[in-house]
Structures are given as structure tokens and as C-alpha cells.
Amino acid sequence: MAASPAIPGLFLCFAATVLLIFVCVSVPTWDAIYFLNVGQGASQVRYGVFGFTGSDISIGYDFLETGSTNLNTSVIHNLTKALILHPIACGLAGLAFLFGLCGARYHRVGTIFMTLLSSLAALACLVAFVLDMVLFGITRNRLRDAGVPASYGNANWLTLGALIALLLGFCASACGSFGRYRKRKDNY
């Protein structure tokens, strides 16, 4: 292989892309992946990037009123619109992977672009993770204070895993940018 130093960063960017794809197709598209689970049994509602259980897919949504909680303020509605950072981070991680393929096969420039794009994807993923924890943490605490059972979902931890993979991918691709890219000529 022409550029073996690009391989670890390439693998990590691919792993982050897959994790972020799972997060992006969360509830209402795929019920197994969600950020917040509210209620018990048949009255359970799960919240994802583009909506909640039984809702249409949209950018930004209002929480269902449960108990005496006031969750539908303009600030919280705008924070749900900011969940669009997940697909943005996914796209940047995917582009980093594609440039990493070019870097692994052809030239060092692909690895350098993978480094730049993985850093941007890591930044977007970091902001998305902080947003997740703030938005769904506030919601979870308000619901629990009202006596409604609420718990974090697996999408929060998938986002954290993607963030860690992107940070490690950035470090690996930055180190891989300085690796040996020419084939050795063996002199006999």
C-alpha cells in the first residue's frame, strides 16, 4: 500500500461516520436509537434528531407536554433545531473518510485533507454532544421533577463515541501526514 500511515485515521473516521449515521436515523425513523426516553410501557415517547415517536420528520420540534412541565419555550425549540449539527458532523466525517481513502492509496494531500476535515467534524460533533447533554439534560430533569420517568438514550453515547473516534482520527491522520509515502528501493 502506498501510504500505510493514513490507515489508522482512515479507520477511525469511518467508525465515526457509521456511528453518526446511526444517530442521524434515530427516532422517528428508527425507534432503537434515541436521545431521551420519557414514560413507561405503552405511553413511552422517545426523542431523536428529527422528531419524536409518532411525529413527522422535521428540523426542530416541540416536546410533548407531560405533567406541569413547561418545555416548549422558544429557546428549547431552537435548541432542537440545532440538532442538525449531527448530520453536519456526519457529512464532514464522511468527507474525511473519502479524502483518507485518497491519502491511503495515492498521495499525502488526501491525508492532509482528512486531518483538516476530521478536525472540523470533531468540532461539530463536540458542539452537538454538548448540545445533546444540555437540551436533554434540562428536559430530563424537568420531567423527573414533575414525577414523570425519563432517562437518557443510546444516541447520546453514540455521539460521544463518534467524538472520541474523530479526535483520535484527527491525531492519527495528523501523525500519518508526516509518514513515509514513497516505496523503498531495495538495493541488492
N, C-alpha and C. Protein backbone atom coordinates (compact mmCIF):
# COMPACT_ATOMS: atom_id res chain seq x y z
N MET A 1 0.85 -1.18 0.00
CA MET A 1 0.00 0.00 0.00
C MET A 1 0.89 1.23 0.00
N ALA A 2 0.49 2.23 -0.73
CA ALA A 2 1.33 3.41 -0.92
C ALA A 2 1.47 4.25 0.33
N ALA A 3 0.47 4.31 1.16
CA ALA A 3 0.52 5.24 2.30
C ALA A 3 -0.05 4.60 3.55
N SER A 4 0.64 3.65 4.09
CA SER A 4 0.13 2.98 5.27
C SER A 4 -0.02 3.88 6.49
N PRO A 5 0.68 5.03 6.61
CA PRO A 5 0.45 5.89 7.77
C PRO A 5 -0.95 6.49 7.83
N ALA A 6 -1.70 6.49 6.75
CA ALA A 6 -3.04 7.06 6.74
C ALA A 6 -4.11 6.08 7.22
N ILE A 7 -3.77 4.81 7.36
CA ILE A 7 -4.76 3.78 7.65
C ILE A 7 -5.44 3.95 9.02
N PRO A 8 -4.73 4.21 10.14
CA PRO A 8 -5.44 4.36 11.42
C PRO A 8 -6.45 5.50 11.43
N GLY A 9 -6.08 6.66 10.88
CA GLY A 9 -7.01 7.78 10.80
C GLY A 9 -8.19 7.47 9.90
N LEU A 10 -7.93 6.74 8.82
CA LEU A 10 -8.98 6.34 7.90
C LEU A 10 -10.00 5.44 8.60
N PHE A 11 -9.52 4.47 9.35
CA PHE A 11 -10.42 3.57 10.08
C PHE A 11 -11.24 4.32 11.11
N LEU A 12 -10.62 5.23 11.86
CA LEU A 12 -11.33 5.96 12.90
C LEU A 12 -12.37 6.92 12.31
N CYS A 13 -12.05 7.55 11.20
CA CYS A 13 -13.05 8.43 10.54
C CYS A 13 -14.22 7.62 10.01
N PHE A 14 -13.94 6.42 9.52
CA PHE A 14 -15.02 5.54 9.06
C PHE A 14 -15.91 5.14 10.23
N ALA A 15 -15.31 4.77 11.35
CA ALA A 15 -16.08 4.38 12.53
C ALA A 15 -16.96 5.53 13.02
N ALA A 16 -16.41 6.75 13.04
CA ALA A 16 -17.19 7.92 13.46
C ALA A 16 -18.34 8.18 12.50
N THR A 17 -18.10 8.01 11.21
CA THR A 17 -19.16 8.21 10.22
C THR A 17 -20.31 7.23 10.44
N VAL A 18 -19.98 5.97 10.68
CA VAL A 18 -21.02 4.96 10.90
C VAL A 18 -21.82 5.28 12.17
N LEU A 19 -21.13 5.65 13.25
CA LEU A 19 -21.83 5.99 14.49
C LEU A 19 -22.75 7.19 14.30
N LEU A 20 -22.28 8.19 13.57
CA LEU A 20 -23.11 9.38 13.35
C LEU A 20 -24.28 9.10 12.40
N ILE A 21 -24.10 8.16 11.48
CA ILE A 21 -25.24 7.76 10.62
C ILE A 21 -26.33 7.14 11.49
N PHE A 22 -25.92 6.29 12.43
CA PHE A 22 -26.91 5.69 13.34
C PHE A 22 -27.65 6.77 14.12
N VAL A 23 -26.92 7.79 14.59
CA VAL A 23 -27.56 8.87 15.35
C VAL A 23 -28.52 9.66 14.46
N CYS A 24 -28.13 9.89 13.22
CA CYS A 24 -28.96 10.70 12.32
C CYS A 24 -30.27 10.01 11.93
N VAL A 25 -30.29 8.68 11.95
CA VAL A 25 -31.53 7.98 11.61
C VAL A 25 -32.27 7.54 12.87
N SER A 26 -32.09 8.30 13.95
CA SER A 26 -32.77 7.99 15.21
C SER A 26 -34.27 8.24 15.06
N VAL A 27 -34.98 8.12 16.17
CA VAL A 27 -36.43 8.34 16.20
C VAL A 27 -36.76 9.65 15.49
N PRO A 28 -37.73 9.77 14.66
CA PRO A 28 -38.82 8.86 14.34
C PRO A 28 -38.52 7.86 13.22
N THR A 29 -37.33 7.88 12.64
CA THR A 29 -37.01 6.95 11.56
C THR A 29 -36.73 5.55 12.09
N TRP A 30 -35.88 5.45 13.11
CA TRP A 30 -35.50 4.15 13.68
C TRP A 30 -35.72 4.22 15.18
N ASP A 31 -36.64 3.43 15.68
CA ASP A 31 -37.04 3.51 17.08
C ASP A 31 -35.99 2.99 18.06
N ALA A 32 -35.00 2.26 17.60
CA ALA A 32 -34.00 1.69 18.50
C ALA A 32 -32.97 2.72 18.97
N ILE A 33 -32.83 3.82 18.25
CA ILE A 33 -31.84 4.85 18.59
C ILE A 33 -32.60 6.11 19.00
N TYR A 34 -32.30 6.62 20.20
CA TYR A 34 -33.00 7.81 20.70
C TYR A 34 -32.13 8.51 21.73
N PHE A 35 -32.45 9.80 21.97
CA PHE A 35 -31.72 10.61 22.94
C PHE A 35 -32.36 10.57 24.32
N LEU A 36 -33.68 10.56 24.36
CA LEU A 36 -34.40 10.64 25.62
C LEU A 36 -35.61 9.74 25.57
N ASN A 37 -35.81 8.96 26.62
CA ASN A 37 -36.97 8.09 26.74
C ASN A 37 -37.84 8.62 27.87
N VAL A 38 -39.08 8.93 27.56
CA VAL A 38 -40.00 9.52 28.53
C VAL A 38 -41.19 8.59 28.71
N GLY A 39 -41.55 8.31 29.96
CA GLY A 39 -42.70 7.48 30.25
C GLY A 39 -42.34 6.02 30.39
N GLN A 40 -43.39 5.20 30.58
CA GLN A 40 -43.21 3.77 30.75
C GLN A 40 -44.24 3.02 29.93
N GLY A 41 -43.91 1.81 29.54
CA GLY A 41 -44.86 0.93 28.87
C GLY A 41 -45.35 1.47 27.54
N ALA A 42 -46.66 1.41 27.36
CA ALA A 42 -47.27 1.81 26.09
C ALA A 42 -47.26 3.33 25.90
N SER A 43 -47.13 4.09 26.98
CA SER A 43 -47.14 5.55 26.86
C SER A 43 -45.74 6.13 26.73
N GLN A 44 -44.81 5.31 26.30
CA GLN A 44 -43.41 5.72 26.16
C GLN A 44 -43.23 6.60 24.93
N VAL A 45 -42.49 7.69 25.08
CA VAL A 45 -42.17 8.58 23.96
C VAL A 45 -40.65 8.72 23.92
N ARG A 46 -40.09 8.57 22.73
CA ARG A 46 -38.65 8.70 22.53
C ARG A 46 -38.38 9.87 21.60
N TYR A 47 -37.29 10.59 21.90
CA TYR A 47 -36.93 11.78 21.13
C TYR A 47 -35.63 11.54 20.38
N GLY A 48 -35.60 11.99 19.11
CA GLY A 48 -34.42 11.84 18.28
C GLY A 48 -33.99 13.16 17.66
N VAL A 49 -33.20 13.07 16.60
CA VAL A 49 -32.68 14.27 15.93
C VAL A 49 -33.79 15.03 15.22
N PHE A 50 -34.63 14.33 14.49
CA PHE A 50 -35.63 14.99 13.64
C PHE A 50 -37.06 14.83 14.14
N GLY A 51 -37.26 14.49 15.41
CA GLY A 51 -38.61 14.37 15.92
C GLY A 51 -38.69 13.39 17.07
N PHE A 52 -39.92 12.95 17.35
CA PHE A 52 -40.16 12.02 18.45
C PHE A 52 -41.07 10.91 17.95
N THR A 53 -41.34 9.96 18.79
CA THR A 53 -42.16 8.81 18.43
C THR A 53 -43.50 9.26 17.88
N GLY A 54 -43.80 8.84 16.66
CA GLY A 54 -45.08 9.16 16.05
C GLY A 54 -45.16 10.50 15.35
N SER A 55 -44.09 11.29 15.36
CA SER A 55 -44.13 12.60 14.71
C SER A 55 -43.61 12.51 13.28
N ASP A 56 -43.84 13.57 12.54
CA ASP A 56 -43.25 13.69 11.21
C ASP A 56 -41.79 14.11 11.36
N ILE A 57 -41.02 13.84 10.33
CA ILE A 57 -39.62 14.24 10.33
C ILE A 57 -39.53 15.73 10.04
N SER A 58 -38.87 16.48 10.93
CA SER A 58 -38.71 17.92 10.75
C SER A 58 -37.48 18.40 11.49
N ILE A 59 -37.00 19.55 11.08
CA ILE A 59 -35.88 20.18 11.78
C ILE A 59 -36.49 21.07 12.85
N GLY A 60 -36.26 20.73 14.09
CA GLY A 60 -36.85 21.45 15.21
C GLY A 60 -38.24 20.93 15.52
N TYR A 61 -38.50 20.72 16.79
CA TYR A 61 -39.80 20.23 17.21
C TYR A 61 -40.07 20.69 18.63
N ASP A 62 -41.33 20.55 19.03
CA ASP A 62 -41.74 20.85 20.40
C ASP A 62 -41.88 19.55 21.16
N PHE A 63 -41.54 19.56 22.45
CA PHE A 63 -41.72 18.39 23.29
C PHE A 63 -43.19 18.23 23.62
N LEU A 64 -43.62 16.98 23.81
CA LEU A 64 -44.99 16.74 24.22
C LEU A 64 -45.14 17.19 25.67
N GLU A 65 -46.23 17.86 25.96
CA GLU A 65 -46.48 18.33 27.32
C GLU A 65 -46.83 17.15 28.21
N THR A 66 -46.06 17.00 29.26
CA THR A 66 -46.27 15.93 30.21
C THR A 66 -46.25 16.52 31.61
N GLY A 67 -47.35 16.39 32.33
CA GLY A 67 -47.40 16.92 33.68
C GLY A 67 -47.43 18.44 33.65
N SER A 68 -46.78 19.05 34.63
CA SER A 68 -46.78 20.51 34.76
C SER A 68 -45.49 21.13 34.24
N THR A 69 -44.81 20.46 33.35
CA THR A 69 -43.55 20.99 32.83
C THR A 69 -43.81 21.97 31.70
N ASN A 70 -43.00 23.00 31.63
CA ASN A 70 -43.08 23.97 30.55
C ASN A 70 -41.83 23.81 29.69
N LEU A 71 -41.89 22.87 28.76
CA LEU A 71 -40.72 22.57 27.93
C LEU A 71 -40.74 23.27 26.58
N ASN A 72 -41.85 23.83 26.20
CA ASN A 72 -41.96 24.38 24.86
C ASN A 72 -41.72 25.88 24.82
N THR A 73 -40.53 26.27 25.23
CA THR A 73 -40.11 27.67 25.12
C THR A 73 -39.40 27.84 23.79
N SER A 74 -39.20 29.07 23.39
CA SER A 74 -38.53 29.32 22.11
C SER A 74 -37.06 28.90 22.17
N VAL A 75 -36.44 29.00 23.34
CA VAL A 75 -35.03 28.59 23.47
C VAL A 75 -34.90 27.10 23.25
N ILE A 76 -35.74 26.31 23.88
CA ILE A 76 -35.66 24.86 23.73
C ILE A 76 -36.04 24.44 22.32
N HIS A 77 -37.02 25.10 21.72
CA HIS A 77 -37.37 24.80 20.32
C HIS A 77 -36.18 25.08 19.39
N ASN A 78 -35.49 26.19 19.62
CA ASN A 78 -34.32 26.49 18.79
C ASN A 78 -33.17 25.52 19.05
N LEU A 79 -33.05 25.02 20.27
CA LEU A 79 -32.02 24.01 20.54
C LEU A 79 -32.32 22.71 19.79
N THR A 80 -33.61 22.37 19.64
CA THR A 80 -33.93 21.18 18.84
C THR A 80 -33.61 21.40 17.37
N LYS A 81 -33.67 22.64 16.91
CA LYS A 81 -33.25 22.93 15.53
C LYS A 81 -31.75 22.76 15.37
N ALA A 82 -31.01 23.04 16.43
CA ALA A 82 -29.55 22.92 16.37
C ALA A 82 -29.08 21.47 16.35
N LEU A 83 -30.00 20.52 16.54
CA LEU A 83 -29.62 19.11 16.43
C LEU A 83 -29.20 18.74 15.01
N ILE A 84 -29.38 19.65 14.07
CA ILE A 84 -28.93 19.44 12.70
C ILE A 84 -27.40 19.32 12.63
N LEU A 85 -26.72 19.67 13.72
CA LEU A 85 -25.27 19.51 13.78
C LEU A 85 -24.84 18.05 13.66
N HIS A 86 -25.69 17.13 14.04
CA HIS A 86 -25.35 15.70 13.91
C HIS A 86 -25.15 15.30 12.45
N PRO A 87 -26.10 15.61 11.54
CA PRO A 87 -25.85 15.29 10.13
C PRO A 87 -24.69 16.08 9.53
N ILE A 88 -24.47 17.30 10.00
CA ILE A 88 -23.33 18.08 9.50
C ILE A 88 -22.02 17.40 9.90
N ALA A 89 -21.92 16.99 11.17
CA ALA A 89 -20.72 16.29 11.63
C ALA A 89 -20.55 14.97 10.88
N CYS A 90 -21.66 14.30 10.59
CA CYS A 90 -21.60 13.04 9.84
C CYS A 90 -21.08 13.27 8.43
N GLY A 91 -21.55 14.31 7.78
CA GLY A 91 -21.07 14.63 6.43
C GLY A 91 -19.59 14.98 6.42
N LEU A 92 -19.15 15.76 7.39
CA LEU A 92 -17.73 16.10 7.46
C LEU A 92 -16.86 14.87 7.74
N ALA A 93 -17.34 13.99 8.61
CA ALA A 93 -16.59 12.76 8.89
C ALA A 93 -16.55 11.86 7.66
N GLY A 94 -17.65 11.81 6.92
CA GLY A 94 -17.66 11.04 5.68
C GLY A 94 -16.70 11.59 4.63
N LEU A 95 -16.65 12.92 4.52
CA LEU A 95 -15.68 13.53 3.59
C LEU A 95 -14.25 13.27 4.05
N ALA A 96 -14.02 13.31 5.36
CA ALA A 96 -12.69 12.99 5.87
C ALA A 96 -12.31 11.56 5.51
N PHE A 97 -13.27 10.64 5.61
CA PHE A 97 -13.01 9.25 5.22
C PHE A 97 -12.67 9.15 3.74
N LEU A 98 -13.43 9.84 2.89
CA LEU A 98 -13.15 9.78 1.45
C LEU A 98 -11.78 10.35 1.10
N PHE A 99 -11.42 11.47 1.73
CA PHE A 99 -10.08 12.01 1.49
C PHE A 99 -9.02 11.08 2.06
N GLY A 100 -9.34 10.40 3.14
CA GLY A 100 -8.41 9.43 3.71
C GLY A 100 -8.17 8.27 2.76
N LEU A 101 -9.21 7.87 2.03
CA LEU A 101 -9.02 6.82 1.02
C LEU A 101 -8.02 7.28 -0.05
N CYS A 102 -8.18 8.53 -0.46
CA CYS A 102 -7.23 9.07 -1.44
C CYS A 102 -5.82 9.14 -0.85
N GLY A 103 -5.73 9.52 0.41
CA GLY A 103 -4.43 9.60 1.06
C GLY A 103 -3.81 8.24 1.26
N ALA A 104 -4.61 7.23 1.53
CA ALA A 104 -4.08 5.89 1.74
C ALA A 104 -3.62 5.26 0.44
N ARG A 105 -4.21 5.63 -0.64
CA ARG A 105 -3.88 4.99 -1.91
C ARG A 105 -2.93 5.82 -2.78
N TYR A 106 -3.10 7.14 -2.78
CA TYR A 106 -2.40 7.91 -3.79
C TYR A 106 -1.38 8.89 -3.24
N HIS A 107 -1.81 9.85 -2.44
CA HIS A 107 -0.93 10.96 -2.14
C HIS A 107 -1.15 11.49 -0.74
N ARG A 108 -0.15 12.12 -0.21
CA ARG A 108 -0.16 12.70 1.12
C ARG A 108 -1.22 13.81 1.26
N VAL A 109 -1.55 14.49 0.18
CA VAL A 109 -2.52 15.59 0.24
C VAL A 109 -3.88 15.08 0.73
N GLY A 110 -4.26 13.86 0.35
CA GLY A 110 -5.50 13.29 0.84
C GLY A 110 -5.49 13.12 2.35
N THR A 111 -4.35 12.73 2.90
CA THR A 111 -4.24 12.58 4.35
C THR A 111 -4.29 13.94 5.04
N ILE A 112 -3.71 14.95 4.42
CA ILE A 112 -3.76 16.30 5.00
C ILE A 112 -5.20 16.82 5.01
N PHE A 113 -5.93 16.59 3.91
CA PHE A 113 -7.34 17.00 3.89
C PHE A 113 -8.16 16.18 4.88
N MET A 114 -7.82 14.91 5.07
CA MET A 114 -8.50 14.10 6.07
C MET A 114 -8.27 14.69 7.46
N THR A 115 -7.06 15.17 7.71
CA THR A 115 -6.76 15.79 9.00
C THR A 115 -7.61 17.04 9.22
N LEU A 116 -7.68 17.89 8.21
CA LEU A 116 -8.47 19.12 8.34
C LEU A 116 -9.96 18.84 8.52
N LEU A 117 -10.50 17.93 7.70
CA LEU A 117 -11.93 17.64 7.79
C LEU A 117 -12.28 16.89 9.07
N SER A 118 -11.38 16.03 9.54
CA SER A 118 -11.68 15.33 10.80
C SER A 118 -11.66 16.30 11.98
N SER A 119 -10.83 17.34 11.89
CA SER A 119 -10.84 18.34 12.97
C SER A 119 -12.14 19.14 12.95
N LEU A 120 -12.62 19.50 11.77
CA LEU A 120 -13.90 20.21 11.67
C LEU A 120 -15.06 19.32 12.13
N ALA A 121 -15.02 18.04 11.74
CA ALA A 121 -16.06 17.11 12.16
C ALA A 121 -16.03 16.91 13.67
N ALA A 122 -14.83 16.85 14.25
CA ALA A 122 -14.72 16.70 15.70
C ALA A 122 -15.28 17.92 16.42
N LEU A 123 -15.02 19.09 15.88
CA LEU A 123 -15.56 20.32 16.48
C LEU A 123 -17.09 20.34 16.41
N ALA A 124 -17.65 20.00 15.24
CA ALA A 124 -19.11 19.95 15.10
C ALA A 124 -19.71 18.88 16.01
N CYS A 125 -19.02 17.75 16.13
CA CYS A 125 -19.52 16.67 16.99
C CYS A 125 -19.43 17.06 18.46
N LEU A 126 -18.39 17.78 18.84
CA LEU A 126 -18.27 18.26 20.22
C LEU A 126 -19.41 19.20 20.58
N VAL A 127 -19.70 20.14 19.70
CA VAL A 127 -20.80 21.08 19.94
C VAL A 127 -22.12 20.32 19.99
N ALA A 128 -22.29 19.33 19.10
CA ALA A 128 -23.53 18.54 19.09
C ALA A 128 -23.67 17.73 20.39
N PHE A 129 -22.58 17.16 20.88
CA PHE A 129 -22.65 16.39 22.12
C PHE A 129 -22.98 17.27 23.32
N VAL A 130 -22.36 18.43 23.39
CA VAL A 130 -22.67 19.37 24.48
C VAL A 130 -24.12 19.80 24.39
N LEU A 131 -24.58 20.07 23.18
CA LEU A 131 -25.99 20.43 22.97
C LEU A 131 -26.92 19.31 23.42
N ASP A 132 -26.59 18.07 23.07
CA ASP A 132 -27.40 16.93 23.49
C ASP A 132 -27.52 16.87 25.01
N MET A 133 -26.39 16.99 25.68
CA MET A 133 -26.39 16.84 27.13
C MET A 133 -27.14 18.00 27.80
N VAL A 134 -27.03 19.20 27.24
CA VAL A 134 -27.74 20.35 27.82
C VAL A 134 -29.24 20.24 27.56
N LEU A 135 -29.61 20.06 26.30
CA LEU A 135 -31.02 20.02 25.92
C LEU A 135 -31.75 18.87 26.60
N PHE A 136 -31.24 17.68 26.46
CA PHE A 136 -31.95 16.53 27.01
C PHE A 136 -31.73 16.39 28.51
N GLY A 137 -30.67 16.98 29.05
CA GLY A 137 -30.49 17.02 30.49
C GLY A 137 -31.51 17.92 31.16
N ILE A 138 -31.72 19.11 30.59
CA ILE A 138 -32.74 20.02 31.12
C ILE A 138 -34.12 19.38 31.03
N THR A 139 -34.41 18.78 29.89
CA THR A 139 -35.71 18.14 29.70
C THR A 139 -35.90 16.99 30.68
N ARG A 140 -34.89 16.16 30.82
CA ARG A 140 -34.98 15.01 31.73
C ARG A 140 -35.19 15.47 33.17
N ASN A 141 -34.45 16.50 33.59
CA ASN A 141 -34.60 16.98 34.96
C ASN A 141 -35.97 17.59 35.21
N ARG A 142 -36.48 18.35 34.26
CA ARG A 142 -37.82 18.95 34.43
C ARG A 142 -38.90 17.89 34.47
N LEU A 143 -38.74 16.86 33.65
CA LEU A 143 -39.73 15.78 33.66
C LEU A 143 -39.66 14.99 34.96
N ARG A 144 -38.47 14.71 35.43
CA ARG A 144 -38.32 13.98 36.69
C ARG A 144 -38.86 14.79 37.87
N ASP A 145 -38.65 16.11 37.83
CA ASP A 145 -39.20 16.95 38.89
C ASP A 145 -40.72 16.92 38.91
N ALA A 146 -41.33 16.71 37.73
CA ALA A 146 -42.79 16.62 37.64
C ALA A 146 -43.30 15.21 37.92
N GLY A 147 -42.39 14.28 38.23
CA GLY A 147 -42.79 12.92 38.56
C GLY A 147 -42.92 12.00 37.36
N VAL A 148 -42.43 12.42 36.21
CA VAL A 148 -42.50 11.61 35.00
C VAL A 148 -41.16 10.90 34.82
N PRO A 149 -41.17 9.57 34.64
CA PRO A 149 -39.89 8.87 34.45
C PRO A 149 -39.26 9.24 33.10
N ALA A 150 -37.99 9.61 33.14
CA ALA A 150 -37.27 9.99 31.92
C ALA A 150 -35.83 9.54 32.07
N SER A 151 -35.25 9.03 30.98
CA SER A 151 -33.86 8.57 31.01
C SER A 151 -33.19 8.85 29.68
N TYR A 152 -31.86 8.98 29.75
CA TYR A 152 -31.08 9.19 28.53
C TYR A 152 -31.15 7.94 27.66
N GLY A 153 -30.98 8.17 26.36
CA GLY A 153 -30.97 7.07 25.42
C GLY A 153 -29.57 6.78 24.91
N ASN A 154 -29.50 5.85 23.99
CA ASN A 154 -28.21 5.42 23.46
C ASN A 154 -27.60 6.38 22.44
N ALA A 155 -28.38 7.26 21.87
CA ALA A 155 -27.84 8.19 20.87
C ALA A 155 -26.83 9.16 21.49
N ASN A 156 -27.02 9.50 22.77
CA ASN A 156 -26.06 10.36 23.45
C ASN A 156 -24.68 9.71 23.46
N TRP A 157 -24.65 8.41 23.76
CA TRP A 157 -23.37 7.72 23.90
C TRP A 157 -22.78 7.36 22.54
N LEU A 158 -23.62 7.18 21.53
CA LEU A 158 -23.10 7.00 20.18
C LEU A 158 -22.42 8.28 19.69
N THR A 159 -23.00 9.42 20.04
CA THR A 159 -22.38 10.70 19.68
C THR A 159 -21.05 10.87 20.40
N LEU A 160 -20.99 10.48 21.66
CA LEU A 160 -19.73 10.55 22.41
C LEU A 160 -18.69 9.62 21.79
N GLY A 161 -19.10 8.43 21.39
CA GLY A 161 -18.17 7.50 20.73
C GLY A 161 -17.65 8.07 19.42
N ALA A 162 -18.53 8.71 18.66
CA ALA A 162 -18.10 9.33 17.40
C ALA A 162 -17.14 10.48 17.66
N LEU A 163 -17.39 11.24 18.72
CA LEU A 163 -16.49 12.34 19.08
C LEU A 163 -15.10 11.81 19.43
N ILE A 164 -15.04 10.77 20.22
CA ILE A 164 -13.75 10.19 20.59
C ILE A 164 -13.04 9.63 19.36
N ALA A 165 -13.79 8.94 18.49
CA ALA A 165 -13.20 8.41 17.26
C ALA A 165 -12.67 9.53 16.37
N LEU A 166 -13.39 10.63 16.28
CA LEU A 166 -12.92 11.75 15.45
C LEU A 166 -11.69 12.42 16.04
N LEU A 167 -11.65 12.56 17.37
CA LEU A 167 -10.45 13.14 17.99
C LEU A 167 -9.23 12.25 17.78
N LEU A 168 -9.42 10.95 17.97
CA LEU A 168 -8.31 10.02 17.73
C LEU A 168 -7.96 9.96 16.24
N GLY A 169 -8.98 10.04 15.39
CA GLY A 169 -8.74 10.05 13.94
C GLY A 169 -7.96 11.29 13.50
N PHE A 170 -8.28 12.41 14.13
CA PHE A 170 -7.52 13.63 13.83
C PHE A 170 -6.05 13.45 14.22
N CYS A 171 -5.82 12.94 15.42
CA CYS A 171 -4.43 12.74 15.87
C CYS A 171 -3.70 11.75 14.98
N ALA A 172 -4.37 10.64 14.63
CA ALA A 172 -3.73 9.62 13.79
C ALA A 172 -3.46 10.15 12.39
N SER A 173 -4.39 10.90 11.83
CA SER A 173 -4.17 11.42 10.47
C SER A 173 -3.14 12.54 10.47
N ALA A 174 -3.07 13.32 11.54
CA ALA A 174 -2.03 14.35 11.63
C ALA A 174 -0.65 13.69 11.69
N CYS A 175 -0.53 12.63 12.48
CA CYS A 175 0.74 11.91 12.52
C CYS A 175 1.01 11.20 11.20
N GLY A 176 -0.04 10.67 10.58
CA GLY A 176 0.11 9.99 9.30
C GLY A 176 0.50 10.91 8.17
N SER A 177 0.24 12.19 8.32
CA SER A 177 0.63 13.15 7.28
C SER A 177 2.15 13.25 7.14
N PHE A 178 2.84 12.91 8.21
CA PHE A 178 4.30 13.00 8.19
C PHE A 178 4.97 11.66 7.95
N GLY A 179 4.19 10.63 7.62
CA GLY A 179 4.75 9.30 7.42
C GLY A 179 5.45 9.16 6.08
N ARG A 180 6.03 7.99 5.86
CA ARG A 180 6.75 7.69 4.62
C ARG A 180 5.75 7.33 3.54
N TYR A 181 5.80 8.03 2.41
CA TYR A 181 4.86 7.81 1.32
C TYR A 181 5.54 7.28 0.07
N ARG A 182 6.81 7.12 0.08
CA ARG A 182 7.49 6.57 -1.09
C ARG A 182 7.86 5.13 -0.81
N LYS A 183 7.81 4.34 -1.86
CA LYS A 183 8.21 2.97 -1.72
C LYS A 183 9.73 2.90 -1.62
N ARG A 184 10.20 2.03 -0.77
CA ARG A 184 11.65 1.84 -0.63
C ARG A 184 12.18 1.10 -1.84
N LYS A 185 13.33 1.48 -2.25
CA LYS A 185 14.02 0.75 -3.32
C LYS A 185 15.08 -0.11 -2.64
N ASP A 186 14.90 -1.38 -2.78
CA ASP A 186 15.86 -2.29 -2.18
C ASP A 186 17.05 -2.45 -3.12
N ASN A 187 18.19 -2.15 -2.61
CA ASN A 187 19.42 -2.31 -3.38
C ASN A 187 20.04 -3.66 -3.03
N TYR A 188 20.27 -4.44 -4.05
CA TYR A 188 20.86 -5.75 -3.81
C TYR A 188 22.32 -5.72 -4.06
